[in-house]
All heavy atoms as atom14 arrays in JSON, in Angstrom:
{
  "sequence": "AVVVSLAAFMEVLDTTIVNVALSHIGGSFAASQDESTWVL",
  "atom14_mask": [
    [1, 1, 1, 1, 1, 0, 0, 0, 0, 0, 0, 0, 0, 0],
    [1, 1, 1, 1, 1, 1, 1, 0, 0, 0, 0, 0, 0, 0],
    [1, 1, 1, 1, 1, 1, 1, 0, 0, 0, 0, 0, 0, 0],
    [1, 1, 1, 1, 1, 1, 1, 0, 0, 0, 0, 0, 0, 0],
    [1, 1, 1, 1, 1, 1, 0, 0, 0, 0, 0, 0, 0, 0],
    [1, 1, 1, 1, 1, 1, 1, 1, 0, 0, 0, 0, 0, 0],
    [1, 1, 1, 1, 1, 0, 0, 0, 0, 0, 0, 0, 0, 0],
    [1, 1, 1, 1, 1, 0, 0, 0, 0, 0, 0, 0, 0, 0],
    [1, 1, 1, 1, 1, 1, 1, 1, 1, 1, 1, 0, 0, 0],
    [1, 1, 1, 1, 1, 1, 1, 1, 0, 0, 0, 0, 0, 0],
    [1, 1, 1, 1, 1, 1, 1, 1, 1, 0, 0, 0, 0, 0],
    [1, 1, 1, 1, 1, 1, 1, 0, 0, 0, 0, 0, 0, 0],
    [1, 1, 1, 1, 1, 1, 1, 1, 0, 0, 0, 0, 0, 0],
    [1, 1, 1, 1, 1, 1, 1, 1, 0, 0, 0, 0, 0, 0],
    [1, 1, 1, 1, 1, 1, 1, 0, 0, 0, 0, 0, 0, 0],
    [1, 1, 1, 1, 1, 1, 1, 0, 0, 0, 0, 0, 0, 0],
    [1, 1, 1, 1, 1, 1, 1, 1, 0, 0, 0, 0, 0, 0],
    [1, 1, 1, 1, 1, 1, 1, 0, 0, 0, 0, 0, 0, 0],
    [1, 1, 1, 1, 1, 1, 1, 1, 0, 0, 0, 0, 0, 0],
    [1, 1, 1, 1, 1, 1, 1, 0, 0, 0, 0, 0, 0, 0],
    [1, 1, 1, 1, 1, 0, 0, 0, 0, 0, 0, 0, 0, 0],
    [1, 1, 1, 1, 1, 1, 1, 1, 0, 0, 0, 0, 0, 0],
    [1, 1, 1, 1, 1, 1, 0, 0, 0, 0, 0, 0, 0, 0],
    [1, 1, 1, 1, 1, 1, 1, 1, 1, 1, 0, 0, 0, 0],
    [1, 1, 1, 1, 1, 1, 1, 1, 0, 0, 0, 0, 0, 0],
    [1, 1, 1, 1, 0, 0, 0, 0, 0, 0, 0, 0, 0, 0],
    [1, 1, 1, 1, 0, 0, 0, 0, 0, 0, 0, 0, 0, 0],
    [1, 1, 1, 1, 1, 1, 0, 0, 0, 0, 0, 0, 0, 0],
    [1, 1, 1, 1, 1, 1, 1, 1, 1, 1, 1, 0, 0, 0],
    [1, 1, 1, 1, 1, 0, 0, 0, 0, 0, 0, 0, 0, 0],
    [1, 1, 1, 1, 1, 0, 0, 0, 0, 0, 0, 0, 0, 0],
    [1, 1, 1, 1, 1, 1, 0, 0, 0, 0, 0, 0, 0, 0],
    [1, 1, 1, 1, 1, 1, 1, 1, 1, 0, 0, 0, 0, 0],
    [1, 1, 1, 1, 1, 1, 1, 1, 0, 0, 0, 0, 0, 0],
    [1, 1, 1, 1, 1, 1, 1, 1, 1, 0, 0, 0, 0, 0],
    [1, 1, 1, 1, 1, 1, 0, 0, 0, 0, 0, 0, 0, 0],
    [1, 1, 1, 1, 1, 1, 1, 0, 0, 0, 0, 0, 0, 0],
    [1, 1, 1, 1, 1, 1, 1, 1, 1, 1, 1, 1, 1, 1],
    [1, 1, 1, 1, 1, 1, 1, 0, 0, 0, 0, 0, 0, 0],
    [1, 1, 1, 1, 1, 1, 1, 1, 0, 0, 0, 0, 0, 0]
  ],
  "atom14_positions": [
    [[50.34, 26.22, 8.7], [50.82, 26.37, 7.33], [50.63, 25.08, 6.53], [50.22, 25.11, 5.37], [52.29, 26.77, 7.33], [0.0, 0.0, 0.0], [0.0, 0.0, 0.0], [0.0, 0.0, 0.0], [0.0, 0.0, 0.0], [0.0, 0.0, 0.0], [0.0, 0.0, 0.0], [0.0, 0.0, 0.0], [0.0, 0.0, 0.0], [0.0, 0.0, 0.0]],
    [[50.9, 23.94, 7.16], [50.75, 22.65, 6.48], [49.28, 22.38, 6.17], [48.92, 21.92, 5.09], [51.36, 21.51, 7.32], [51.0, 20.15, 6.72], [52.87, 21.66, 7.41], [0.0, 0.0, 0.0], [0.0, 0.0, 0.0], [0.0, 0.0, 0.0], [0.0, 0.0, 0.0], [0.0, 0.0, 0.0], [0.0, 0.0, 0.0], [0.0, 0.0, 0.0]],
    [[48.42, 22.68, 7.13], [46.99, 22.38, 6.98], [46.38, 23.21, 5.85], [45.68, 22.68, 4.98], [46.25, 22.65, 8.31], [44.74, 22.66, 8.08], [46.63, 21.59, 9.34], [0.0, 0.0, 0.0], [0.0, 0.0, 0.0], [0.0, 0.0, 0.0], [0.0, 0.0, 0.0], [0.0, 0.0, 0.0], [0.0, 0.0, 0.0], [0.0, 0.0, 0.0]],
    [[46.62, 24.52, 5.86], [46.02, 25.36, 4.81], [46.68, 25.08, 3.45], [46.05, 25.23, 2.41], [46.11, 26.86, 5.16], [45.3, 27.15, 6.41], [47.54, 27.32, 5.33], [0.0, 0.0, 0.0], [0.0, 0.0, 0.0], [0.0, 0.0, 0.0], [0.0, 0.0, 0.0], [0.0, 0.0, 0.0], [0.0, 0.0, 0.0], [0.0, 0.0, 0.0]],
    [[47.94, 24.66, 3.48], [48.61, 24.32, 2.22], [48.06, 23.04, 1.62], [48.08, 22.86, 0.4], [50.13, 24.18, 2.44], [50.7, 25.41, 2.82], [0.0, 0.0, 0.0], [0.0, 0.0, 0.0], [0.0, 0.0, 0.0], [0.0, 0.0, 0.0], [0.0, 0.0, 0.0], [0.0, 0.0, 0.0], [0.0, 0.0, 0.0], [0.0, 0.0, 0.0]],
    [[47.55, 22.16, 2.47], [46.95, 20.91, 1.98], [45.76, 21.21, 1.07], [45.62, 20.64, -0.01], [46.51, 20.05, 3.16], [45.81, 18.72, 2.83], [46.77, 17.79, 2.1], [45.29, 18.07, 4.11], [0.0, 0.0, 0.0], [0.0, 0.0, 0.0], [0.0, 0.0, 0.0], [0.0, 0.0, 0.0], [0.0, 0.0, 0.0], [0.0, 0.0, 0.0]],
    [[44.92, 22.13, 1.52], [43.75, 22.5, 0.72], [44.16, 23.2, -0.57], [43.64, 22.92, -1.65], [42.82, 23.39, 1.54], [0.0, 0.0, 0.0], [0.0, 0.0, 0.0], [0.0, 0.0, 0.0], [0.0, 0.0, 0.0], [0.0, 0.0, 0.0], [0.0, 0.0, 0.0], [0.0, 0.0, 0.0], [0.0, 0.0, 0.0], [0.0, 0.0, 0.0]],
    [[45.12, 24.13, -0.48], [45.55, 24.86, -1.66], [46.29, 23.95, -2.64], [46.16, 24.11, -3.85], [46.45, 26.03, -1.25], [0.0, 0.0, 0.0], [0.0, 0.0, 0.0], [0.0, 0.0, 0.0], [0.0, 0.0, 0.0], [0.0, 0.0, 0.0], [0.0, 0.0, 0.0], [0.0, 0.0, 0.0], [0.0, 0.0, 0.0], [0.0, 0.0, 0.0]],
    [[47.06, 22.99, -2.11], [47.77, 22.04, -2.97], [46.79, 21.27, -3.84], [47.02, 21.07, -5.04], [48.57, 21.07, -2.1], [49.47, 20.15, -2.87], [50.78, 20.49, -3.13], [49.0, 18.93, -3.34], [51.61, 19.63, -3.85], [49.82, 18.08, -4.05], [51.13, 18.43, -4.3], [0.0, 0.0, 0.0], [0.0, 0.0, 0.0], [0.0, 0.0, 0.0]],
    [[45.68, 20.87, -3.23], [44.64, 20.13, -3.94], [44.1, 20.95, -5.11], [43.91, 20.43, -6.23], [43.52, 19.78, -2.96], [42.31, 19.09, -3.54], [41.1, 18.69, -2.24], [40.66, 20.33, -1.64], [0.0, 0.0, 0.0], [0.0, 0.0, 0.0], [0.0, 0.0, 0.0], [0.0, 0.0, 0.0], [0.0, 0.0, 0.0], [0.0, 0.0, 0.0]],
    [[43.9, 22.24, -4.89], [43.34, 23.09, -5.94], [44.35, 23.39, -7.04], [44.03, 23.32, -8.23], [42.85, 24.4, -5.31], [42.04, 25.27, -6.24], [42.91, 26.2, -7.08], [43.98, 26.62, -6.57], [42.54, 26.49, -8.22], [0.0, 0.0, 0.0], [0.0, 0.0, 0.0], [0.0, 0.0, 0.0], [0.0, 0.0, 0.0], [0.0, 0.0, 0.0]],
    [[45.6, 23.69, -6.66], [46.63, 23.99, -7.66], [46.91, 22.76, -8.51], [47.13, 22.85, -9.72], [47.92, 24.49, -6.98], [49.01, 24.72, -8.02], [47.66, 25.77, -6.21], [0.0, 0.0, 0.0], [0.0, 0.0, 0.0], [0.0, 0.0, 0.0], [0.0, 0.0, 0.0], [0.0, 0.0, 0.0], [0.0, 0.0, 0.0], [0.0, 0.0, 0.0]],
    [[46.89, 21.59, -7.88], [47.13, 20.33, -8.59], [46.13, 20.16, -9.73], [46.47, 19.67, -10.81], [47.02, 19.17, -7.62], [47.51, 17.8, -8.1], [49.03, 17.79, -8.23], [47.08, 16.71, -7.13], [0.0, 0.0, 0.0], [0.0, 0.0, 0.0], [0.0, 0.0, 0.0], [0.0, 0.0, 0.0], [0.0, 0.0, 0.0], [0.0, 0.0, 0.0]],
    [[44.9, 20.6, -9.51], [43.85, 20.41, -10.51], [44.0, 21.32, -11.72], [43.3, 21.14, -12.71], [42.47, 20.62, -9.88], [41.85, 19.3, -9.43], [42.57, 18.52, -8.78], [40.68, 19.05, -9.73], [0.0, 0.0, 0.0], [0.0, 0.0, 0.0], [0.0, 0.0, 0.0], [0.0, 0.0, 0.0], [0.0, 0.0, 0.0], [0.0, 0.0, 0.0]],
    [[44.91, 22.29, -11.67], [45.15, 23.13, -12.84], [45.98, 22.4, -13.89], [45.97, 22.77, -15.07], [45.88, 24.44, -12.46], [47.16, 24.12, -11.89], [45.07, 25.24, -11.46], [0.0, 0.0, 0.0], [0.0, 0.0, 0.0], [0.0, 0.0, 0.0], [0.0, 0.0, 0.0], [0.0, 0.0, 0.0], [0.0, 0.0, 0.0], [0.0, 0.0, 0.0]],
    [[46.71, 21.35, -13.49], [47.56, 20.63, -14.45], [47.25, 19.14, -14.53], [47.58, 18.5, -15.53], [49.05, 20.79, -14.09], [49.28, 20.3, -12.75], [49.47, 22.24, -14.16], [0.0, 0.0, 0.0], [0.0, 0.0, 0.0], [0.0, 0.0, 0.0], [0.0, 0.0, 0.0], [0.0, 0.0, 0.0], [0.0, 0.0, 0.0], [0.0, 0.0, 0.0]],
    [[46.64, 18.58, -13.5], [46.47, 17.13, -13.46], [45.5, 16.63, -14.53], [45.62, 15.5, -15.02], [45.98, 16.68, -12.06], [46.14, 15.17, -11.88], [44.53, 17.1, -11.81], [45.84, 14.69, -10.46], [0.0, 0.0, 0.0], [0.0, 0.0, 0.0], [0.0, 0.0, 0.0], [0.0, 0.0, 0.0], [0.0, 0.0, 0.0], [0.0, 0.0, 0.0]],
    [[44.56, 17.48, -14.94], [43.55, 17.07, -15.93], [44.11, 17.09, -17.35], [43.58, 16.42, -18.24], [42.31, 17.97, -15.81], [41.26, 17.64, -16.87], [41.68, 17.84, -14.42], [0.0, 0.0, 0.0], [0.0, 0.0, 0.0], [0.0, 0.0, 0.0], [0.0, 0.0, 0.0], [0.0, 0.0, 0.0], [0.0, 0.0, 0.0], [0.0, 0.0, 0.0]],
    [[45.19, 17.85, -17.56], [45.71, 18.02, -18.93], [45.95, 16.69, -19.64], [45.6, 16.52, -20.81], [47.03, 18.81, -18.89], [46.83, 20.23, -18.4], [45.83, 20.55, -17.78], [47.8, 21.08, -18.66], [0.0, 0.0, 0.0], [0.0, 0.0, 0.0], [0.0, 0.0, 0.0], [0.0, 0.0, 0.0], [0.0, 0.0, 0.0], [0.0, 0.0, 0.0]],
    [[46.59, 15.74, -18.93], [46.97, 14.49, -19.57], [45.78, 13.56, -19.76], [45.9, 12.53, -20.42], [48.06, 13.78, -18.76], [49.33, 14.61, -18.73], [47.59, 13.48, -17.34], [0.0, 0.0, 0.0], [0.0, 0.0, 0.0], [0.0, 0.0, 0.0], [0.0, 0.0, 0.0], [0.0, 0.0, 0.0], [0.0, 0.0, 0.0], [0.0, 0.0, 0.0]],
    [[44.64, 13.89, -19.14], [43.47, 13.0, -19.22], [42.41, 13.5, -20.19], [41.36, 12.86, -20.33], [42.85, 12.84, -17.83], [0.0, 0.0, 0.0], [0.0, 0.0, 0.0], [0.0, 0.0, 0.0], [0.0, 0.0, 0.0], [0.0, 0.0, 0.0], [0.0, 0.0, 0.0], [0.0, 0.0, 0.0], [0.0, 0.0, 0.0], [0.0, 0.0, 0.0]],
    [[42.66, 14.62, -20.87], [41.62, 15.21, -21.73], [41.18, 14.24, -22.83], [39.98, 14.14, -23.13], [42.13, 16.51, -22.36], [42.26, 17.72, -21.42], [42.77, 18.92, -22.19], [40.93, 18.04, -20.75], [0.0, 0.0, 0.0], [0.0, 0.0, 0.0], [0.0, 0.0, 0.0], [0.0, 0.0, 0.0], [0.0, 0.0, 0.0], [0.0, 0.0, 0.0]],
    [[42.12, 13.53, -23.44], [41.74, 12.6, -24.51], [40.89, 11.46, -23.97], [39.96, 10.99, -24.63], [42.98, 12.04, -25.19], [43.81, 11.35, -24.26], [0.0, 0.0, 0.0], [0.0, 0.0, 0.0], [0.0, 0.0, 0.0], [0.0, 0.0, 0.0], [0.0, 0.0, 0.0], [0.0, 0.0, 0.0], [0.0, 0.0, 0.0], [0.0, 0.0, 0.0]],
    [[41.18, 11.01, -22.74], [40.4, 9.93, -22.13], [38.99, 10.43, -21.78], [38.0, 9.7, -21.95], [41.09, 9.43, -20.87], [42.43, 8.79, -21.13], [42.59, 7.43, -21.31], [43.66, 9.33, -21.28], [43.85, 7.16, -21.53], [44.53, 8.29, -21.51], [0.0, 0.0, 0.0], [0.0, 0.0, 0.0], [0.0, 0.0, 0.0], [0.0, 0.0, 0.0]],
    [[38.92, 11.65, -21.27], [37.6, 12.22, -20.92], [36.77, 12.38, -22.19], [35.58, 12.03, -22.22], [37.78, 13.58, -20.21], [38.47, 13.38, -18.85], [36.43, 14.26, -20.01], [38.84, 14.67, -18.15], [0.0, 0.0, 0.0], [0.0, 0.0, 0.0], [0.0, 0.0, 0.0], [0.0, 0.0, 0.0], [0.0, 0.0, 0.0], [0.0, 0.0, 0.0]],
    [[37.4, 12.94, -23.24], [36.68, 13.1, -24.5], [36.22, 11.78, -25.07], [35.11, 11.66, -25.6], [0.0, 0.0, 0.0], [0.0, 0.0, 0.0], [0.0, 0.0, 0.0], [0.0, 0.0, 0.0], [0.0, 0.0, 0.0], [0.0, 0.0, 0.0], [0.0, 0.0, 0.0], [0.0, 0.0, 0.0], [0.0, 0.0, 0.0], [0.0, 0.0, 0.0]],
    [[37.06, 10.75, -24.96], [36.7, 9.43, -25.46], [35.51, 8.84, -24.73], [34.67, 8.14, -25.32], [0.0, 0.0, 0.0], [0.0, 0.0, 0.0], [0.0, 0.0, 0.0], [0.0, 0.0, 0.0], [0.0, 0.0, 0.0], [0.0, 0.0, 0.0], [0.0, 0.0, 0.0], [0.0, 0.0, 0.0], [0.0, 0.0, 0.0], [0.0, 0.0, 0.0]],
    [[35.41, 9.1, -23.43], [34.3, 8.57, -22.64], [32.96, 9.13, -23.09], [31.93, 8.47, -22.98], [34.51, 8.88, -21.15], [35.65, 8.25, -20.66], [0.0, 0.0, 0.0], [0.0, 0.0, 0.0], [0.0, 0.0, 0.0], [0.0, 0.0, 0.0], [0.0, 0.0, 0.0], [0.0, 0.0, 0.0], [0.0, 0.0, 0.0], [0.0, 0.0, 0.0]],
    [[32.99, 10.37, -23.59], [31.75, 11.04, -23.97], [31.63, 11.22, -25.49], [30.78, 11.98, -25.96], [31.65, 12.4, -23.28], [31.72, 12.33, -21.78], [32.6, 13.13, -21.07], [30.91, 11.44, -21.08], [32.67, 13.07, -19.69], [30.97, 11.38, -19.7], [31.86, 12.17, -19.0], [0.0, 0.0, 0.0], [0.0, 0.0, 0.0], [0.0, 0.0, 0.0]],
    [[32.49, 10.54, -26.25], [32.49, 10.64, -27.71], [32.56, 12.09, -28.16], [31.84, 12.52, -29.08], [31.25, 9.96, -28.28], [0.0, 0.0, 0.0], [0.0, 0.0, 0.0], [0.0, 0.0, 0.0], [0.0, 0.0, 0.0], [0.0, 0.0, 0.0], [0.0, 0.0, 0.0], [0.0, 0.0, 0.0], [0.0, 0.0, 0.0], [0.0, 0.0, 0.0]],
    [[33.43, 12.87, -27.51], [33.57, 14.29, -27.81], [34.84, 14.53, -28.63], [35.8, 13.76, -28.55], [33.62, 15.1, -26.52], [0.0, 0.0, 0.0], [0.0, 0.0, 0.0], [0.0, 0.0, 0.0], [0.0, 0.0, 0.0], [0.0, 0.0, 0.0], [0.0, 0.0, 0.0], [0.0, 0.0, 0.0], [0.0, 0.0, 0.0], [0.0, 0.0, 0.0]],
    [[34.86, 15.6, -29.39], [36.03, 15.96, -30.17], [37.1, 16.56, -29.26], [36.84, 16.89, -28.1], [35.64, 16.99, -31.24], [35.26, 18.21, -30.64], [0.0, 0.0, 0.0], [0.0, 0.0, 0.0], [0.0, 0.0, 0.0], [0.0, 0.0, 0.0], [0.0, 0.0, 0.0], [0.0, 0.0, 0.0], [0.0, 0.0, 0.0], [0.0, 0.0, 0.0]],
    [[38.29, 16.74, -29.83], [39.38, 17.33, -29.04], [39.06, 18.77, -28.64], [39.35, 19.19, -27.52], [40.68, 17.3, -29.85], [41.89, 17.84, -29.08], [43.17, 17.74, -29.87], [43.19, 17.14, -30.94], [44.23, 18.32, -29.37], [0.0, 0.0, 0.0], [0.0, 0.0, 0.0], [0.0, 0.0, 0.0], [0.0, 0.0, 0.0], [0.0, 0.0, 0.0]],
    [[38.45, 19.53, -29.56], [38.08, 20.91, -29.24], [37.1, 20.97, -28.08], [37.21, 21.83, -27.19], [37.47, 21.6, -30.47], [38.52, 21.87, -31.55], [39.72, 21.72, -31.25], [38.12, 22.22, -32.67], [0.0, 0.0, 0.0], [0.0, 0.0, 0.0], [0.0, 0.0, 0.0], [0.0, 0.0, 0.0], [0.0, 0.0, 0.0], [0.0, 0.0, 0.0]],
    [[36.13, 20.07, -28.07], [35.15, 20.04, -26.98], [35.82, 19.64, -25.67], [35.5, 20.18, -24.6], [34.03, 19.05, -27.32], [33.13, 19.5, -28.46], [32.15, 18.42, -28.9], [32.5, 17.22, -28.82], [31.03, 18.76, -29.31], [0.0, 0.0, 0.0], [0.0, 0.0, 0.0], [0.0, 0.0, 0.0], [0.0, 0.0, 0.0], [0.0, 0.0, 0.0]],
    [[36.77, 18.72, -25.75], [37.44, 18.24, -24.54], [38.24, 19.35, -23.87], [38.33, 19.4, -22.63], [38.37, 17.07, -24.87], [37.65, 15.99, -25.42], [0.0, 0.0, 0.0], [0.0, 0.0, 0.0], [0.0, 0.0, 0.0], [0.0, 0.0, 0.0], [0.0, 0.0, 0.0], [0.0, 0.0, 0.0], [0.0, 0.0, 0.0], [0.0, 0.0, 0.0]],
    [[38.84, 20.24, -24.65], [39.67, 21.29, -24.06], [38.86, 22.26, -23.2], [39.42, 22.94, -22.34], [40.41, 22.09, -25.15], [39.46, 22.66, -26.06], [41.38, 21.2, -25.9], [0.0, 0.0, 0.0], [0.0, 0.0, 0.0], [0.0, 0.0, 0.0], [0.0, 0.0, 0.0], [0.0, 0.0, 0.0], [0.0, 0.0, 0.0], [0.0, 0.0, 0.0]],
    [[37.53, 22.3, -23.41], [36.7, 23.17, -22.57], [36.64, 22.66, -21.13], [36.29, 23.42, -20.22], [35.3, 23.31, -23.15], [35.25, 24.28, -24.28], [35.19, 24.02, -25.61], [35.28, 25.72, -24.16], [35.19, 25.18, -26.33], [35.24, 26.24, -25.48], [35.34, 26.6, -23.09], [35.27, 27.6, -25.73], [35.37, 27.96, -23.34], [35.32, 28.45, -24.64]],
    [[36.97, 21.4, -20.91], [37.07, 20.88, -19.53], [38.16, 21.64, -18.78], [38.02, 21.93, -17.58], [37.37, 19.37, -19.54], [37.61, 18.84, -18.13], [36.23, 18.61, -20.2], [0.0, 0.0, 0.0], [0.0, 0.0, 0.0], [0.0, 0.0, 0.0], [0.0, 0.0, 0.0], [0.0, 0.0, 0.0], [0.0, 0.0, 0.0], [0.0, 0.0, 0.0]],
    [[39.23, 21.96, -19.48], [40.31, 22.74, -18.88], [40.01, 24.23, -18.9], [40.2, 24.93, -17.89], [41.62, 22.45, -19.63], [42.87, 23.16, -19.13], [43.19, 22.76, -17.7], [44.05, 22.84, -20.04], [0.0, 0.0, 0.0], [0.0, 0.0, 0.0], [0.0, 0.0, 0.0], [0.0, 0.0, 0.0], [0.0, 0.0, 0.0], [0.0, 0.0, 0.0]]
  ]
}
């Protein structure tokens, strides 16, 4: 249970972990906010 949960935890984490970094990602590529949200 712990082993398979480790893999699933990694994937579920990625559904929210990127949210706070969208502005930084967009800034790195000189992209607008609308373009950045497509990362999510």
